Protein backbone atom coordinates (compact mmCIF):
# COMPACT_ATOMS: atom_id res chain seq x y z
CA MET A 1 41.30 126.67 44.78
CA ARG A 2 42.28 123.01 44.37
CA THR A 3 44.70 123.35 47.28
CA LEU A 4 41.94 124.09 49.81
CA PRO A 5 41.35 120.36 50.55
CA LEU A 6 45.02 120.16 51.55
CA ALA A 7 44.63 123.01 54.00
CA LEU A 8 41.57 121.34 55.50
CA ALA A 9 43.28 117.95 55.63
CA SER A 10 46.26 119.41 57.46
CA VAL A 11 44.13 120.93 60.23
CA ALA A 12 41.83 117.89 60.33
CA MET A 13 44.80 115.61 60.92
CA GLY A 14 46.01 117.78 63.80
CA ALA A 15 42.53 117.98 65.30
CA VAL A 16 41.95 114.22 65.04
CA VAL A 17 45.16 113.41 66.88
CA ALA A 18 44.40 116.13 69.46
CA ALA A 19 40.86 114.83 70.02
CA LYS A 20 42.32 111.80 71.82
CA GLU A 21 43.71 114.10 74.51
CA PRO A 22 41.60 114.96 77.60
CA SER A 23 42.41 118.68 77.26
CA PHE A 24 41.18 118.91 73.65
CA HIS A 25 39.61 122.30 72.84
CA LEU A 26 37.24 122.00 69.86
CA THR A 27 36.80 125.77 69.38
CA ALA A 28 40.56 126.19 69.05
CA ALA A 29 40.63 123.50 66.37
CA TRP A 30 37.84 125.25 64.42
CA LEU A 31 39.67 128.57 64.61
CA ALA A 32 42.87 126.88 63.47
CA ALA A 33 40.93 125.59 60.45
CA LEU A 34 39.56 129.06 59.66
CA THR A 35 43.00 130.65 59.95
CA THR A 36 44.59 127.99 57.77
CA LEU A 37 41.92 128.38 55.08
CA LEU A 38 42.42 132.15 55.04
CA LEU A 39 46.18 131.66 54.72
CA GLN A 40 45.65 129.30 51.80
CA VAL A 41 43.33 131.74 50.04
CA LEU A 42 45.89 134.48 50.69
CA SER A 43 48.60 132.31 49.13
CA ASN A 44 46.45 131.63 46.06
CA PHE A 45 45.68 135.34 45.59
CA ALA A 46 49.34 136.32 46.09
CA ASN A 47 50.55 133.66 43.64
CA ASP A 48 48.06 134.86 41.03
CA LEU A 49 49.31 138.43 41.46
CA GLY A 50 53.01 137.61 41.74
CA ASP A 51 53.25 135.27 38.75
CA SER A 52 51.35 137.75 36.62
CA SER A 53 53.60 140.64 37.64
CA SER A 54 56.79 138.66 37.02
CA GLY A 55 55.68 137.37 33.63
CA ILE A 56 55.61 133.72 34.67
CA ASP A 57 51.91 133.66 33.76
CA ASN A 58 52.14 134.07 30.01
CA ASP A 59 50.78 132.54 26.82
CA GLN A 60 53.13 129.55 27.20
CA ARG A 61 51.75 128.57 30.62
CA VAL A 62 50.14 125.13 30.36
CA GLY A 63 48.02 125.27 33.52
CA PRO A 64 44.59 126.87 33.86
CA ARG A 65 44.55 130.60 33.19
CA ARG A 66 44.55 132.77 36.28
CA THR A 67 42.32 135.73 37.01
CA VAL A 68 44.93 138.50 36.70
CA GLN A 69 46.52 136.88 33.65
CA SER A 70 43.14 136.59 31.92
CA GLY A 71 42.09 140.14 32.85
CA GLU A 72 39.15 139.02 34.99
CA ILE A 73 40.64 140.94 37.93
CA SER A 74 42.99 143.90 37.68
CA ARG A 75 46.33 143.87 39.48
CA LYS A 76 45.10 146.76 41.62
CA ASN A 77 42.03 144.85 42.78
CA MET A 78 44.01 141.67 43.37
CA THR A 79 46.48 143.66 45.48
CA LYS A 80 43.52 144.83 47.57
CA ALA A 81 42.28 141.24 47.86
CA VAL A 82 45.71 140.15 49.10
CA GLY A 83 45.69 142.91 51.73
CA VAL A 84 42.16 142.17 52.95
CA THR A 85 42.76 138.41 53.14
CA ALA A 86 46.04 138.94 55.02
CA PHE A 87 44.20 141.15 57.51
CA LEU A 88 41.44 138.56 58.01
CA ALA A 89 44.02 135.80 58.52
CA LEU A 90 45.75 137.99 61.09
CA LEU A 91 42.48 138.64 62.95
CA SER A 92 41.56 134.97 62.96
CA GLY A 93 45.02 134.01 64.20
CA LEU A 94 44.95 136.60 66.96
CA TRP A 95 41.51 135.43 68.06
CA LEU A 96 42.84 131.88 68.23
CA ILE A 97 46.10 132.66 70.03
CA LEU A 98 44.95 135.42 72.37
CA GLY A 99 41.28 134.65 72.89
CA VAL A 100 40.79 130.90 72.77
CA ALA A 101 43.95 128.79 73.09
CA ASP A 102 45.25 128.26 76.61
CA LEU A 103 48.89 129.27 76.05
CA SER A 104 51.60 130.66 78.29
CA PHE A 105 53.19 134.03 77.55
CA THR A 106 56.19 132.35 75.90
CA GLN A 107 53.98 130.03 73.85
CA THR A 108 51.80 132.95 72.79
CA THR A 109 54.85 134.90 71.66
CA ILE A 110 56.12 131.93 69.65
CA PHE A 111 52.79 131.39 67.93
CA LEU A 112 52.45 135.09 67.15
CA GLY A 113 55.83 134.87 65.44
CA LEU A 114 54.84 131.72 63.56
CA GLY A 115 51.58 133.33 62.48
CA MET A 116 53.32 136.41 61.11
CA ALA A 117 55.85 134.14 59.37
CA ALA A 118 52.99 132.18 57.79
CA ILE A 119 51.38 135.36 56.43
CA ALA A 120 54.73 136.58 55.12
CA ALA A 121 55.45 133.18 53.52
CA ALA A 122 52.04 133.13 51.81
CA ILE A 123 52.74 136.51 50.21
CA THR A 124 56.46 136.28 49.38
CA TYR A 125 56.24 132.94 47.60
CA THR A 126 55.91 134.85 44.32
CA ILE A 127 55.91 138.51 45.41
CA GLY A 128 58.92 140.66 46.23
CA ARG A 129 62.44 141.22 44.98
CA ASN A 130 63.54 137.62 45.54
CA PRO A 131 60.43 135.42 45.90
CA TYR A 132 61.48 132.12 47.43
CA GLY A 133 59.19 130.15 45.10
CA TYR A 134 61.48 131.17 42.23
CA LEU A 135 64.56 129.89 44.07
CA GLY A 136 63.54 126.27 44.55
CA LEU A 137 62.49 126.73 48.18
CA GLY A 138 58.75 126.25 47.70
CA ASP A 139 58.88 122.55 48.58
CA LEU A 140 60.54 123.24 51.92
CA PHE A 141 58.06 125.95 52.90
CA VAL A 142 55.05 123.85 51.88
CA PHE A 143 56.36 120.97 53.99
CA LEU A 144 56.88 123.27 56.97
CA PHE A 145 53.61 125.21 56.84
CA PHE A 146 51.19 122.58 55.48
CA GLY A 147 52.80 119.77 57.42
CA LEU A 148 54.67 120.59 60.59
CA LEU A 149 52.90 123.84 61.47
CA GLY A 150 49.50 122.85 60.10
CA VAL A 151 49.27 119.54 61.97
CA ALA A 152 51.55 119.97 64.98
CA GLY A 153 50.46 123.60 65.41
CA THR A 154 46.78 122.64 65.39
CA PHE A 155 47.51 119.87 67.89
CA PHE A 156 49.35 122.25 70.22
CA VAL A 157 46.79 125.07 70.27
CA SER A 158 44.00 122.49 70.74
CA VAL A 159 45.53 120.79 73.80
CA SER A 160 48.20 123.25 75.01
CA ASP A 161 50.80 120.49 74.85
CA PHE A 162 53.15 118.77 72.44
CA LYS A 163 53.99 115.12 71.76
CA ALA A 164 56.93 114.18 69.56
CA ASP A 165 55.08 111.43 67.68
CA VAL A 166 52.70 114.05 66.24
CA LEU A 167 55.57 114.91 63.89
CA LEU A 168 54.86 111.63 62.06
CA PRO A 169 51.36 112.58 60.76
CA ALA A 170 52.59 116.17 60.41
CA SER A 171 55.39 115.02 58.12
CA ALA A 172 52.98 112.79 56.20
CA MET A 173 50.70 115.75 55.45
CA GLY A 174 53.70 117.88 54.56
CA LEU A 175 54.90 115.32 52.01
CA TRP A 176 51.49 114.92 50.37
CA SER A 177 51.11 118.70 50.16
CA THR A 178 54.58 118.98 48.64
CA GLY A 179 53.50 116.32 46.16
CA VAL A 180 50.78 118.63 44.84
CA LEU A 181 53.31 121.43 44.45
CA ASN A 182 55.70 119.05 42.71
CA LEU A 183 53.01 118.06 40.21
CA ASN A 184 52.31 121.74 39.58
CA ASN A 185 56.00 122.42 38.98
CA MET A 186 56.37 119.34 36.75
CA ARG A 187 53.47 120.57 34.65
CA ASP A 188 54.99 124.04 34.33
CA HIS A 189 58.68 123.12 34.23
CA ALA A 190 59.32 124.12 30.59
CA ASN A 191 57.79 127.59 30.96
CA ASP A 192 59.38 128.03 34.40
CA ARG A 193 62.83 127.26 32.98
CA PHE A 194 62.24 129.66 30.09
CA SER A 195 60.97 132.40 32.43
CA GLY A 196 63.75 132.04 35.00
CA LYS A 197 61.66 130.46 37.76
CA ARG A 198 64.10 128.01 39.35
CA THR A 199 61.74 125.52 40.99
CA LEU A 200 63.11 122.29 42.41
CA VAL A 201 61.85 120.48 39.31
CA VAL A 202 63.79 122.84 37.07
CA LYS A 203 66.90 122.26 39.18
CA MET A 204 66.68 118.46 39.42
CA GLY A 205 65.18 117.71 36.00
CA TYR A 206 61.86 116.12 35.05
CA HIS A 207 62.97 112.48 35.39
CA ASN A 208 64.33 112.98 38.90
CA ALA A 209 61.17 114.90 39.77
CA LEU A 210 59.15 111.77 38.93
CA LEU A 211 61.20 109.69 41.37
CA TYR A 212 60.89 112.45 43.96
CA HIS A 213 57.13 112.43 43.42
CA ALA A 214 56.93 108.71 44.11
CA PHE A 215 58.61 109.31 47.47
CA LEU A 216 56.28 112.20 48.30
CA VAL A 217 53.18 110.12 47.54
CA LEU A 218 54.11 106.80 49.16
CA ALA A 219 56.28 107.69 52.17
CA PRO A 220 53.36 109.26 54.14
CA PHE A 221 51.70 105.84 54.44
CA ILE A 222 54.80 104.51 56.19
CA LEU A 223 54.89 107.49 58.56
CA LEU A 224 51.22 107.06 59.48
CA LEU A 225 51.76 103.33 59.94
CA PHE A 226 54.51 103.99 62.49
CA PHE A 227 52.30 106.53 64.26
CA VAL A 228 49.34 104.16 64.58
CA ALA A 229 51.59 101.30 65.70
CA GLY A 230 53.27 103.52 68.28
CA ARG A 231 49.90 104.56 69.69
CA GLN A 232 48.82 100.90 69.88
CA ALA A 233 45.58 101.82 68.16
CA SER A 234 42.89 99.31 67.23
CA ALA A 235 43.06 97.19 64.09
CA LEU A 236 40.50 99.48 62.45
CA SER A 237 43.05 102.30 62.54
CA TYR A 238 45.07 100.52 59.85
CA LEU A 239 42.28 100.74 57.26
CA PHE A 240 43.80 103.93 55.85
CA LEU A 241 46.52 101.72 54.32
CA PHE A 242 44.05 100.64 51.63
CA GLY A 243 44.38 104.21 50.37
CA VAL A 244 47.78 103.32 48.95
CA ILE A 245 45.99 101.50 46.11
CA PRO A 246 44.42 104.56 44.39
CA PHE A 247 47.51 106.63 45.23
CA PHE A 248 49.75 104.06 43.55
CA LYS A 249 47.43 103.83 40.52
CA ASP A 250 47.59 107.60 40.01
CA LEU A 251 51.37 107.47 40.47
CA LEU A 252 51.67 104.91 37.65
CA ASP A 253 49.52 107.13 35.43
CA VAL A 254 51.74 110.13 36.23
CA PHE A 255 54.78 108.14 35.11
CA LYS A 256 53.02 107.41 31.79
CA VAL A 257 52.31 111.08 31.02
CA ARG A 258 54.25 112.39 28.03
CA ASN A 259 52.68 115.85 27.71
CA PRO A 260 53.23 117.79 30.98
CA ALA A 261 49.94 119.62 30.46
CA ASP A 262 48.18 116.30 31.09
CA LEU A 263 49.47 116.34 34.67
CA ASP A 264 47.00 119.06 35.62
CA PRO A 265 44.08 116.77 36.64
CA PHE A 266 46.37 114.86 39.00
CA LEU A 267 46.79 117.93 41.22
CA LYS A 268 43.10 117.87 42.13
CA LYS A 269 43.12 114.08 42.46
CA LEU A 270 46.03 114.09 44.91
CA ALA A 271 44.53 116.91 46.98
CA ILE A 272 41.11 115.24 47.23
CA LYS A 273 42.51 111.77 47.92
CA THR A 274 44.72 113.20 50.64
CA MET A 275 41.60 114.65 52.25
CA LEU A 276 39.74 111.33 51.90
CA VAL A 277 42.58 109.33 53.45
CA THR A 278 42.68 111.85 56.29
CA ILE A 279 38.94 111.37 56.88
CA VAL A 280 39.26 107.57 56.92
CA PHE A 281 42.29 107.80 59.19
CA GLY A 282 40.49 110.19 61.51
CA ILE A 283 37.31 108.16 61.86
CA THR A 284 39.07 104.85 62.47
CA PHE A 285 41.68 106.37 64.80
CA LEU A 286 39.00 107.89 67.03
CA LEU A 287 36.88 104.73 67.27
């Protein structure tokens, strides 16, 4: 569940930016957080089930053993868990869209479609005849759902409005979230290639994935800098830039790794540091 801080950070970023607006609806933001967490848990359960069923989770996998792979949970019970979590995410989303957020009929229809797409994306990442996670499309979907939808969607349902500059922090969160996925795929690239899982790392090669990772980790600071400058925020709002120091240190350590299995701790580090930077950004932006 190391990806849960990312889900929280995504919604927190959207809520922080929305809190500056006079029409901010706190209950909508809380429900957006609940729905996002349920979608993330659903994704984790579905990935556990899908990778086990496809054979990607095998004795050669270098990451932590999963529950279905280890036999802690049967495939039947995990299938039930996927179904129950998907239902809870649907209920939470419907409560948000139909019961709390102040949306027009057209906006409600759009968000219902986005919500169903999010549930489908969480499941079909590794489950189905042609799971998109095995085709190198995982990075794109993580960017869209953790970044653009997570941040901009939370902003919209919390204030019933949209501002184009919100796409800057939304893109920043999307890139950091994709960075965690990229680390995961770098760690597993040898087994993925052997098993036929064509992640973006497998397609581009490990060396190029390192350069790609540097972009994913550092570019968000530039995007947030432009956002703060555009909002003419106080000088305190720039304190988040000090976060580039620990991010850059971890990036240097990632470049020094020779055994891909040693990349595993950096997934948790990036997820937690993303959450911490979001907290610092949020506090200083609202002051």
